[in-house]
């Protein structure tokens, strides 16, 4: 009986305090009275030694092999180079109780210890829920493992009802967000710990998280509903669902859980990197005008931060670029030159690199020109000119001169003015009048007419 009691107490203590010597006092007639020490020697793996200390000397009483104790004591550490954003969702309802919540803290501490934590490494955030969920700390709140463990040790017990569905929605809305420290192109892990059946629907919010790329693990303790845990967790369920009978044996699943989480982080990271280099597809152009056209494409796979559209005249010229958000799949290129072929390249930009270019070309149209030009009311020194309005112009340029003269007189006219009177002309002289529609510094094709002044 004494030995059984020692084993049970040792089992609990070794879970949370490996490589520490513990002392128990045994009073029984066949053993001399004195402290009985349970010693775990890090240099002698898989050996438990019960030793009695008396009069300064040490006598080895019994040495037993307990493989299972040392598997649990020698906790797994995730050594992958891949990083992750891990959000832990802890049930803090009244059914857990304050004593059991201390065991939850110990479990969380062992879980956190398995990962390399840092602002540029794995980040761990935590939310606690009952009737109303709350964020205990964000993914970017702590930048060291020591700080996260300290936060775990001081995690307050909330109390309340069990509304797991509401809590899962809360995690989706507030935890895996850039403002909360969630990063683009980094594996996302969600770990739920609960001790009972939810009082609301968990299926839609869990499905929403999984569709968003979050790998969900569900840990049930004591009175948890295993079917509900399966409806929350990602597949395969045999590696993503854990259900234990009591809080004092939660640590028996730490190694299996951390190994699986570590493996999933590596798999997600590999998948993200494979998708990273995929370029956008199906380049199309539309809405072509003399100075603009729209470029559209099919989205690239993975977490695209932005798209870069680089364009330049095919006959030479400085490249220009337009940048749009990763959620956009088209952009209108403006302020182009008319009747010009442009070479196009669309890049999907990820966190650290860009894809190969999706390439194409398009030629702009001619600028709209004046459709009609009328010369009338000629006198010996004046002629009136009227022309049709052109949409989108910045103004008009009117040139006129005798047809026998090499030089032109220039008359610039503002937008909205479509009639002018030419004065100071030579009597009995035929004049050539030309109107250009102006678009900034670029001019349309000309419209020309002739008229002769009176004698």
Protein backbone atom coordinates (compact mmCIF):
# COMPACT_ATOMS: atom_id res chain seq x y z
CA UNK A 1 0.00 0.00 0.00
CA UNK A 2 2.83 2.36 0.85
CA UNK A 3 4.50 1.62 -2.45
CA UNK A 4 1.28 2.22 -4.36
CA UNK A 5 0.82 5.56 -2.66
CA UNK A 6 4.38 6.49 -3.55
CA UNK A 7 3.87 5.53 -7.16
CA UNK A 8 0.67 7.59 -7.47
CA UNK A 9 2.10 10.71 -5.84
CA UNK A 10 5.31 10.33 -7.84
CA UNK A 11 3.36 9.97 -11.04
CA UNK A 12 1.61 13.31 -10.54
CA UNK A 13 4.74 15.12 -9.44
CA UNK A 14 6.99 13.83 -12.19
CA UNK A 15 4.54 15.07 -14.81
CA UNK A 16 5.14 18.63 -13.82
CA UNK A 17 8.56 18.57 -12.14
CA UNK A 18 10.92 16.22 -14.04
CA UNK A 19 14.48 15.68 -12.78
CA UNK A 20 13.61 16.65 -9.18
CA UNK A 21 14.15 14.61 -6.00
CA UNK A 22 11.03 14.15 -3.84
CA UNK A 23 10.99 12.88 -0.22
CA UNK A 24 8.28 10.84 1.51
CA UNK A 25 8.24 9.78 5.20
CA UNK A 26 7.34 6.09 5.65
CA UNK A 27 6.50 4.69 9.07
CA UNK A 28 6.31 0.95 9.11
CA UNK A 29 7.93 -1.54 11.50
CA UNK A 30 9.93 -3.38 8.84
CA UNK A 31 11.45 -0.10 7.61
CA UNK A 32 13.55 2.08 9.94
CA UNK A 33 11.85 5.39 10.55
CA UNK A 34 13.20 8.07 8.24
CA UNK A 35 12.58 9.87 5.01
CA UNK A 36 12.10 7.72 1.91
CA UNK A 37 13.40 9.54 -1.16
CA UNK A 38 12.09 9.10 -4.68
CA UNK A 39 14.94 10.11 -6.95
CA UNK A 40 14.94 10.59 -10.71
CA UNK A 41 18.50 10.57 -11.93
CA UNK A 42 18.77 12.32 -15.35
CA UNK A 43 21.94 10.35 -16.08
CA UNK A 44 20.28 6.95 -15.38
CA UNK A 45 17.32 6.96 -17.71
CA UNK A 46 14.29 4.78 -17.00
CA UNK A 47 15.34 3.96 -13.42
CA UNK A 48 13.39 4.82 -10.28
CA UNK A 49 15.35 4.44 -7.07
CA UNK A 50 13.76 4.45 -3.61
CA UNK A 51 16.49 5.32 -1.12
CA UNK A 52 16.53 5.75 2.64
CA UNK A 53 18.80 8.35 4.22
CA UNK A 54 19.88 7.50 7.76
CA UNK A 55 22.89 8.64 9.80
CA UNK A 56 24.31 10.41 6.73
CA UNK A 57 24.51 7.24 4.65
CA UNK A 58 22.40 6.18 1.70
CA UNK A 59 21.01 2.69 1.36
CA UNK A 60 19.37 1.63 -1.88
CA UNK A 61 16.20 -0.23 -0.94
CA UNK A 62 14.67 -0.98 -4.34
CA UNK A 63 15.17 -0.10 -8.00
CA UNK A 64 12.31 -0.57 -10.45
CA UNK A 65 11.91 0.01 -14.16
CA UNK A 66 8.89 2.14 -15.05
CA UNK A 67 9.14 3.04 -18.72
CA UNK A 68 5.81 4.82 -18.79
CA UNK A 69 6.80 7.27 -16.06
CA UNK A 70 9.90 8.36 -17.92
CA UNK A 71 8.12 8.71 -21.23
CA UNK A 72 5.85 11.20 -19.49
CA UNK A 73 8.63 12.87 -17.53
CA UNK A 74 10.89 13.31 -20.57
CA UNK A 75 8.48 15.66 -22.36
CA UNK A 76 8.59 16.06 -26.14
CA UNK A 77 10.06 19.28 -27.59
CA UNK A 78 9.15 20.45 -31.10
CA UNK A 79 12.42 21.13 -32.94
CA UNK A 80 10.97 22.00 -36.35
CA UNK A 81 12.22 25.12 -38.11
CA UNK A 82 8.63 25.90 -39.09
CA UNK A 83 6.79 28.49 -37.01
CA UNK A 84 3.10 28.75 -36.15
CA UNK A 85 0.38 30.93 -34.66
CA UNK A 86 -1.23 28.84 -31.90
CA UNK A 87 -4.39 29.98 -30.11
CA UNK A 88 -5.51 27.99 -27.06
CA UNK A 89 -9.18 28.21 -26.09
CA UNK A 90 -9.73 27.21 -22.44
CA UNK A 91 -13.08 26.34 -20.89
CA UNK A 92 -13.30 28.29 -17.62
CA UNK A 93 -16.83 27.25 -16.64
CA UNK A 94 -17.90 26.49 -13.05
CA UNK A 95 -17.97 22.74 -13.73
CA UNK A 96 -14.16 22.62 -13.86
CA UNK A 97 -13.58 23.95 -10.35
CA UNK A 98 -10.63 25.88 -8.98
CA UNK A 99 -8.57 22.83 -7.98
CA UNK A 100 -8.89 21.24 -11.42
CA UNK A 101 -8.13 24.59 -13.05
CA UNK A 102 -4.71 24.45 -11.38
CA UNK A 103 -4.13 21.16 -13.20
CA UNK A 104 -5.21 22.85 -16.44
CA UNK A 105 -2.53 25.50 -15.83
CA UNK A 106 0.09 22.76 -15.33
CA UNK A 107 -1.05 21.10 -18.56
CA UNK A 108 -0.78 24.40 -20.42
CA UNK A 109 2.69 25.00 -19.03
CA UNK A 110 3.90 21.64 -20.38
CA UNK A 111 2.23 22.40 -23.71
CA UNK A 112 3.94 25.78 -23.99
CA UNK A 113 7.31 24.28 -23.02
CA UNK A 114 7.24 22.09 -26.13
CA UNK A 115 7.60 25.03 -28.54
CA UNK A 116 10.26 27.56 -29.44
CA UNK A 117 8.43 30.83 -28.74
CA UNK A 118 9.39 34.27 -29.98
CA UNK A 119 8.04 37.22 -31.94
CA UNK A 120 9.66 35.77 -35.10
CA UNK A 121 9.11 32.18 -34.02
CA UNK A 122 6.01 30.37 -32.79
CA UNK A 123 3.47 32.66 -31.14
CA UNK A 124 0.92 31.50 -28.57
CA UNK A 125 -2.26 33.36 -27.66
CA UNK A 126 -4.95 32.30 -25.22
CA UNK A 127 -8.66 32.98 -24.77
CA UNK A 128 -10.84 31.77 -21.92
CA UNK A 129 -14.58 31.28 -22.18
CA UNK A 130 -17.69 30.39 -20.28
CA UNK A 131 -20.80 32.46 -20.93
CA UNK A 132 -18.78 35.23 -22.56
CA UNK A 133 -15.31 34.65 -24.03
CA UNK A 134 -12.39 36.96 -23.41
CA UNK A 135 -8.83 37.24 -24.67
CA UNK A 136 -6.30 36.63 -21.92
CA UNK A 137 -3.41 37.55 -24.22
CA UNK A 138 -2.94 38.04 -27.95
CA UNK A 139 -0.52 36.18 -30.21
CA UNK A 140 1.82 39.17 -30.17
CA UNK A 141 1.50 40.04 -26.47
CA UNK A 142 4.51 38.00 -25.29
CA UNK A 143 7.78 37.50 -27.16
CA UNK A 144 9.47 34.88 -24.93
CA UNK A 145 8.58 31.44 -23.62
CA UNK A 146 9.23 32.59 -20.07
CA UNK A 147 6.68 35.39 -20.42
CA UNK A 148 4.02 33.02 -21.78
CA UNK A 149 4.64 30.49 -19.00
CA UNK A 150 4.40 33.26 -16.41
CA UNK A 151 1.06 34.29 -17.94
CA UNK A 152 -0.13 30.67 -17.77
CA UNK A 153 0.80 30.43 -14.10
CA UNK A 154 -1.22 33.56 -13.39
CA UNK A 155 -4.18 32.65 -15.58
CA UNK A 156 -7.31 33.57 -13.59
CA UNK A 157 -10.26 31.20 -13.26
CA UNK A 158 -13.26 32.76 -14.99
CA UNK A 159 -16.33 30.71 -14.03
CA UNK A 160 -19.69 30.63 -15.83
CA UNK A 161 -21.61 28.52 -18.36
CA UNK A 162 -20.26 26.46 -21.28
CA UNK A 163 -20.90 28.21 -24.61
CA UNK A 164 -18.24 26.66 -26.84
CA UNK A 165 -19.86 27.72 -30.13
CA UNK A 166 -19.81 31.37 -29.09
CA UNK A 167 -16.17 30.99 -28.04
CA UNK A 168 -15.16 29.46 -31.40
CA UNK A 169 -16.80 32.38 -33.20
CA UNK A 170 -14.91 34.73 -30.91
CA UNK A 171 -11.58 33.09 -31.81
CA UNK A 172 -12.40 33.41 -35.52
CA UNK A 173 -13.39 37.08 -35.18
CA UNK A 174 -10.68 38.35 -32.84
CA UNK A 175 -7.73 35.95 -32.44
CA UNK A 176 -6.56 34.97 -35.92
CA UNK A 177 -6.38 38.57 -37.13
CA UNK A 178 -3.35 40.69 -38.14
CA UNK A 179 -4.12 43.24 -35.43
CA UNK A 180 -3.98 40.40 -32.86
CA UNK A 181 -0.58 39.19 -34.07
CA UNK A 182 -1.66 36.58 -36.62
CA UNK A 183 0.74 36.42 -39.57
CA UNK A 184 0.17 35.79 -43.27
CA UNK A 185 1.75 32.61 -44.60
CA UNK A 186 2.19 31.05 -41.14
CA UNK A 187 0.44 27.80 -40.05
CA UNK A 188 -2.60 28.36 -37.82
CA UNK A 189 -3.37 26.01 -34.91
CA UNK A 190 -6.37 26.11 -32.56
CA UNK A 191 -6.48 23.99 -29.38
CA UNK A 192 -9.74 23.70 -27.43
CA UNK A 193 -9.82 22.41 -23.83
CA UNK A 194 -13.28 21.73 -22.36
CA UNK A 195 -14.85 19.58 -19.67
CA UNK A 196 -18.49 19.43 -20.76
CA UNK A 197 -21.07 19.56 -23.53
CA UNK A 198 -21.65 22.97 -25.06
CA UNK A 199 -24.96 24.74 -24.49
CA UNK A 200 -24.89 26.12 -28.05
CA UNK A 201 -24.13 24.89 -31.57
CA UNK A 202 -20.45 24.28 -32.24
CA UNK A 203 -20.59 22.94 -35.82
CA UNK A 204 -20.86 26.17 -37.93
CA UNK A 205 -18.13 28.13 -36.10
CA UNK A 206 -15.75 25.15 -36.07
CA UNK A 207 -16.34 24.59 -39.78
CA UNK A 208 -15.68 28.28 -40.44
CA UNK A 209 -12.34 28.11 -38.64
CA UNK A 210 -11.29 24.96 -40.50
CA UNK A 211 -12.22 26.52 -43.86
CA UNK A 212 -10.07 29.52 -42.93
CA UNK A 213 -7.09 27.16 -42.66
CA UNK A 214 -7.00 26.72 -38.88
CA UNK A 215 -6.01 23.20 -37.76
CA UNK A 216 -8.29 22.43 -34.80
CA UNK A 217 -7.52 20.12 -31.88
CA UNK A 218 -10.21 19.26 -29.31
CA UNK A 219 -9.32 18.09 -25.80
CA UNK A 220 -12.12 16.82 -23.61
CA UNK A 221 -11.84 16.12 -19.90
CA UNK A 222 -14.19 14.27 -17.60
CA UNK A 223 -17.74 15.03 -18.83
CA UNK A 224 -16.87 16.20 -22.36
CA UNK A 225 -19.01 14.91 -25.23
CA UNK A 226 -16.74 12.98 -27.62
CA UNK A 227 -19.12 13.36 -30.57
CA UNK A 228 -19.04 17.10 -30.04
CA UNK A 229 -15.25 17.04 -29.87
CA UNK A 230 -15.17 15.21 -33.21
CA UNK A 231 -17.49 17.78 -34.77
CA UNK A 232 -15.05 20.52 -33.75
CA UNK A 233 -11.67 18.96 -34.51
CA UNK A 234 -9.91 18.68 -37.86
CA UNK A 235 -9.41 15.27 -39.37
CA UNK A 236 -8.10 12.67 -38.81
CA UNK A 237 -9.93 12.51 -35.48
CA UNK A 238 -7.65 9.88 -33.97
CA UNK A 239 -4.83 12.47 -33.91
CA UNK A 240 -6.92 15.62 -33.31
CA UNK A 241 -9.37 14.50 -30.60
CA UNK A 242 -8.27 13.72 -27.04
CA UNK A 243 -10.61 12.67 -24.27
CA UNK A 244 -9.41 11.86 -20.75
CA UNK A 245 -11.39 10.70 -17.74
CA UNK A 246 -10.06 13.18 -15.20
CA UNK A 247 -7.98 16.33 -14.85
CA UNK A 248 -5.19 14.64 -12.88
CA UNK A 249 -4.25 12.54 -15.91
CA UNK A 250 -4.35 15.34 -18.52
CA UNK A 251 -0.58 15.31 -18.74
CA UNK A 252 -0.68 11.79 -20.14
CA UNK A 253 -1.69 13.28 -23.49
CA UNK A 254 0.84 16.13 -23.61
CA UNK A 255 3.45 14.23 -25.58
CA UNK A 256 1.01 12.87 -28.17
CA UNK A 257 -0.65 16.25 -28.57
CA UNK A 258 2.56 18.25 -28.94
CA UNK A 259 4.01 15.73 -31.40
CA UNK A 260 0.90 15.92 -33.57
CA UNK A 261 0.77 19.71 -33.40
CA UNK A 262 4.45 19.84 -34.35
CA UNK A 263 3.85 17.52 -37.32
CA UNK A 264 0.85 19.54 -38.47
CA UNK A 265 2.84 22.76 -38.29
CA UNK A 266 5.48 21.21 -40.55
CA UNK A 267 2.84 19.92 -42.99
CA UNK A 268 1.03 23.27 -43.13
CA UNK A 269 4.30 25.12 -43.57
CA UNK A 270 5.32 22.85 -46.45
CA UNK A 271 1.92 23.24 -48.08
CA UNK A 272 2.03 27.04 -47.75
CA UNK A 273 5.53 27.21 -49.25
CA UNK A 274 4.53 25.00 -52.17
CA UNK A 275 1.58 27.27 -52.91
CA UNK A 276 3.68 30.35 -52.38
CA UNK A 277 5.38 30.19 -55.75
CA UNK A 278 2.23 29.70 -57.80
CA UNK A 279 1.59 32.64 -60.08
CA UNK A 280 -1.79 34.14 -61.00
CA UNK A 281 -3.50 32.78 -64.13
CA UNK A 282 -5.68 33.83 -67.08
CA UNK A 283 -4.56 37.37 -67.85
CA UNK A 284 -7.30 39.40 -69.56
CA UNK A 285 -7.68 43.03 -70.63
CA UNK A 286 -10.91 45.00 -71.05
CA UNK A 287 -12.38 48.51 -71.01
CA UNK A 288 -9.68 49.64 -73.46
CA UNK A 289 -9.56 53.39 -74.21
CA UNK A 290 -6.92 55.70 -75.60
CA UNK A 291 -5.39 56.31 -72.16
CA UNK A 292 -6.40 53.34 -70.01
CA UNK A 293 -7.46 49.70 -69.86
CA UNK A 294 -8.33 47.17 -67.16
CA UNK A 295 -6.08 44.19 -66.40
CA UNK A 296 -7.71 41.12 -64.76
CA UNK A 297 -6.40 37.73 -63.63
CA UNK A 298 -7.38 34.60 -61.70
CA UNK A 299 -6.04 34.57 -58.11
CA UNK A 300 -2.86 32.73 -57.18
CA UNK A 301 -3.01 29.97 -54.56
CA UNK A 302 -1.92 30.58 -50.97
CA UNK A 303 -1.85 33.66 -48.78
CA UNK A 304 -1.15 36.43 -51.30
CA UNK A 305 -0.36 39.76 -49.61
CA UNK A 306 -0.58 41.85 -52.80
CA UNK A 307 -0.31 41.80 -56.58
CA UNK A 308 2.19 43.91 -58.55
CA UNK A 309 1.26 44.83 -62.12
CA UNK A 310 4.32 46.08 -64.02
CA UNK A 311 3.78 47.69 -67.45
CA UNK A 312 5.79 49.60 -70.05
CA UNK A 313 5.55 50.54 -73.76
CA UNK A 314 6.71 47.71 -75.99
CA UNK A 315 8.90 50.11 -77.99
CA UNK A 316 10.78 51.16 -74.89
CA UNK A 317 10.16 53.34 -71.87
CA UNK A 318 10.43 53.35 -68.09
CA UNK A 319 8.50 50.51 -66.39
CA UNK A 320 5.67 51.59 -64.11
CA UNK A 321 3.71 49.52 -61.62
CA UNK A 322 0.34 49.34 -59.91
CA UNK A 323 -0.07 47.53 -56.58
CA UNK A 324 -3.36 46.09 -55.31
CA UNK A 325 -4.32 44.05 -52.23
CA UNK A 326 -4.13 40.27 -52.33
CA UNK A 327 -7.93 40.08 -52.27
CA UNK A 328 -8.18 42.03 -55.57
CA UNK A 329 -7.91 40.45 -59.02
CA UNK A 330 -8.00 43.46 -61.37
CA UNK A 331 -6.73 47.01 -61.74
CA UNK A 332 -7.26 49.86 -64.22
CA UNK A 333 -4.02 51.23 -65.68
CA UNK A 334 -4.42 54.94 -66.37
CA UNK A 335 -2.56 57.89 -67.94
CA UNK A 336 -1.31 55.76 -70.81
CA UNK A 337 -0.25 56.96 -74.24
CA UNK A 338 -2.67 56.47 -77.10
CA UNK A 339 -2.08 53.98 -79.91
CA UNK A 340 0.68 52.34 -77.86
CA UNK A 341 1.31 48.66 -77.21
CA UNK A 342 2.05 47.91 -73.54
CA UNK A 343 3.80 44.83 -72.16
CA UNK A 344 2.25 43.54 -68.91
CA UNK A 345 3.54 41.39 -66.04
CA UNK A 346 1.46 40.42 -62.98
CA UNK A 347 3.26 39.08 -59.86
CA UNK A 348 1.67 37.48 -56.77
CA UNK A 349 3.56 38.81 -53.73
CA UNK A 350 3.78 36.68 -50.59
CA UNK A 351 5.40 37.39 -47.21
CA UNK A 352 9.02 37.00 -48.30
CA UNK A 353 8.98 36.52 -52.06
CA UNK A 354 7.02 36.88 -55.29
CA UNK A 355 5.81 34.42 -57.89
CA UNK A 356 6.86 34.22 -61.51
CA UNK A 357 5.15 36.73 -63.77
CA UNK A 358 1.92 36.21 -65.65
CA UNK A 359 2.57 38.08 -68.91
CA UNK A 360 0.51 39.68 -71.67
CA UNK A 361 0.08 42.84 -73.77
CA UNK A 362 -2.55 45.35 -74.89
CA UNK A 363 -2.65 48.33 -77.27
CA UNK A 364 -4.46 51.54 -76.42
CA UNK A 365 -6.91 53.17 -78.84
CA UNK A 366 -6.54 56.47 -80.69
CA UNK A 367 -7.61 59.56 -78.81
CA UNK A 368 -11.15 60.76 -79.67
CA UNK A 369 -10.92 63.70 -82.07
CA UNK A 370 -13.19 66.54 -83.13
CA UNK A 371 -15.89 65.07 -85.37
CA UNK A 372 -16.93 68.24 -87.25
CA UNK A 373 -15.51 71.70 -87.86
CA UNK A 374 -17.57 74.53 -89.43
CA UNK A 375 -16.22 77.91 -90.62
CA UNK A 376 -18.81 80.66 -91.14
CA UNK A 377 -19.67 84.41 -91.02
CA UNK A 378 -16.53 85.41 -92.87
CA UNK A 379 -15.77 89.17 -93.19
CA UNK A 380 -12.79 90.94 -94.71
CA UNK A 381 -10.77 90.35 -91.47
CA UNK A 382 -12.65 87.73 -89.39
CA UNK A 383 -13.98 84.16 -89.58
CA UNK A 384 -15.96 82.23 -86.98
CA UNK A 385 -15.09 78.59 -86.22
CA UNK A 386 -17.35 76.09 -84.45
CA UNK A 387 -16.63 72.41 -83.75
CA UNK A 388 -18.23 69.43 -82.04
CA UNK A 389 -17.59 68.80 -78.31
CA UNK A 390 -15.38 65.86 -77.29
CA UNK A 391 -15.81 64.24 -73.87
CA UNK A 392 -12.84 63.95 -71.57
CA UNK A 393 -10.66 66.65 -73.11
CA UNK A 394 -8.59 69.11 -71.13
CA UNK A 395 -9.04 71.74 -73.89
CA UNK A 396 -8.61 72.37 -77.60
CA UNK A 397 -5.80 73.70 -79.74
CA UNK A 398 -6.74 75.67 -82.88
CA UNK A 399 -4.21 76.43 -85.62
CA UNK A 400 -4.93 78.70 -88.60
CA UNK A 401 -2.93 80.31 -91.41
CA UNK A 402 -3.27 81.29 -95.05
CA UNK A 403 -2.84 78.22 -97.20
CA UNK A 404 0.02 79.94 -99.02
CA UNK A 405 1.87 80.58 -95.75
CA UNK A 406 4.18 78.08 -94.05
CA UNK A 407 3.57 79.38 -90.51
CA UNK A 408 0.55 78.76 -88.27
CA UNK A 409 -1.11 80.98 -85.71
CA UNK A 410 -1.84 79.15 -82.47
CA UNK A 411 -4.98 79.67 -80.42
CA UNK A 412 -5.47 77.48 -77.32
CA UNK A 413 -9.07 77.12 -76.17
CA UNK A 414 -10.30 75.90 -72.79
CA UNK A 415 -12.49 72.83 -72.30
CA UNK A 416 -16.14 73.69 -72.81
CA UNK A 417 -15.48 76.32 -75.49
CA UNK A 418 -16.39 75.06 -78.96
CA UNK A 419 -16.65 78.33 -80.90
CA UNK A 420 -14.19 81.16 -81.50
CA UNK A 421 -13.82 84.14 -83.81
CA UNK A 422 -10.55 84.49 -85.68
CA UNK A 423 -9.63 88.14 -86.05
CA UNK A 424 -6.92 90.18 -87.74
CA UNK A 425 -7.12 88.17 -90.94
CA UNK A 426 -6.02 89.35 -94.39
CA UNK A 427 -8.84 90.26 -96.77
CA UNK A 428 -9.56 88.03 -99.75
CA UNK A 429 -7.36 85.24 -98.42
CA UNK A 430 -8.10 81.54 -98.07
CA UNK A 431 -7.31 80.21 -94.59
CA UNK A 432 -6.74 76.67 -93.34
CA UNK A 433 -8.16 76.07 -89.85
CA UNK A 434 -7.26 72.96 -87.80
CA UNK A 435 -8.63 71.87 -84.39
CA UNK A 436 -7.03 69.29 -82.04
CA UNK A 437 -8.71 67.83 -78.99
CA UNK A 438 -6.15 68.03 -76.16
CA UNK A 439 -5.67 65.44 -73.39
CA UNK A 440 -3.08 66.97 -71.15
CA UNK A 441 0.04 67.19 -73.29
CA UNK A 442 -1.26 64.67 -75.81
CA UNK A 443 -3.29 65.72 -78.86
CA UNK A 444 -5.85 63.86 -80.94
CA UNK A 445 -5.85 63.55 -84.70
CA UNK A 446 -6.62 66.90 -86.31
CA UNK A 447 -9.83 68.11 -87.91
CA UNK A 448 -9.23 70.68 -90.74
CA UNK A 449 -11.41 73.00 -92.86
CA UNK A 450 -10.92 76.04 -95.14
CA UNK A 451 -12.58 79.44 -95.54
CA UNK A 452 -11.83 82.64 -97.52
CA UNK A 453 -12.17 86.14 -96.13
CA UNK A 454 -14.12 88.81 -98.00
CA UNK A 455 -12.52 91.42 -100.28
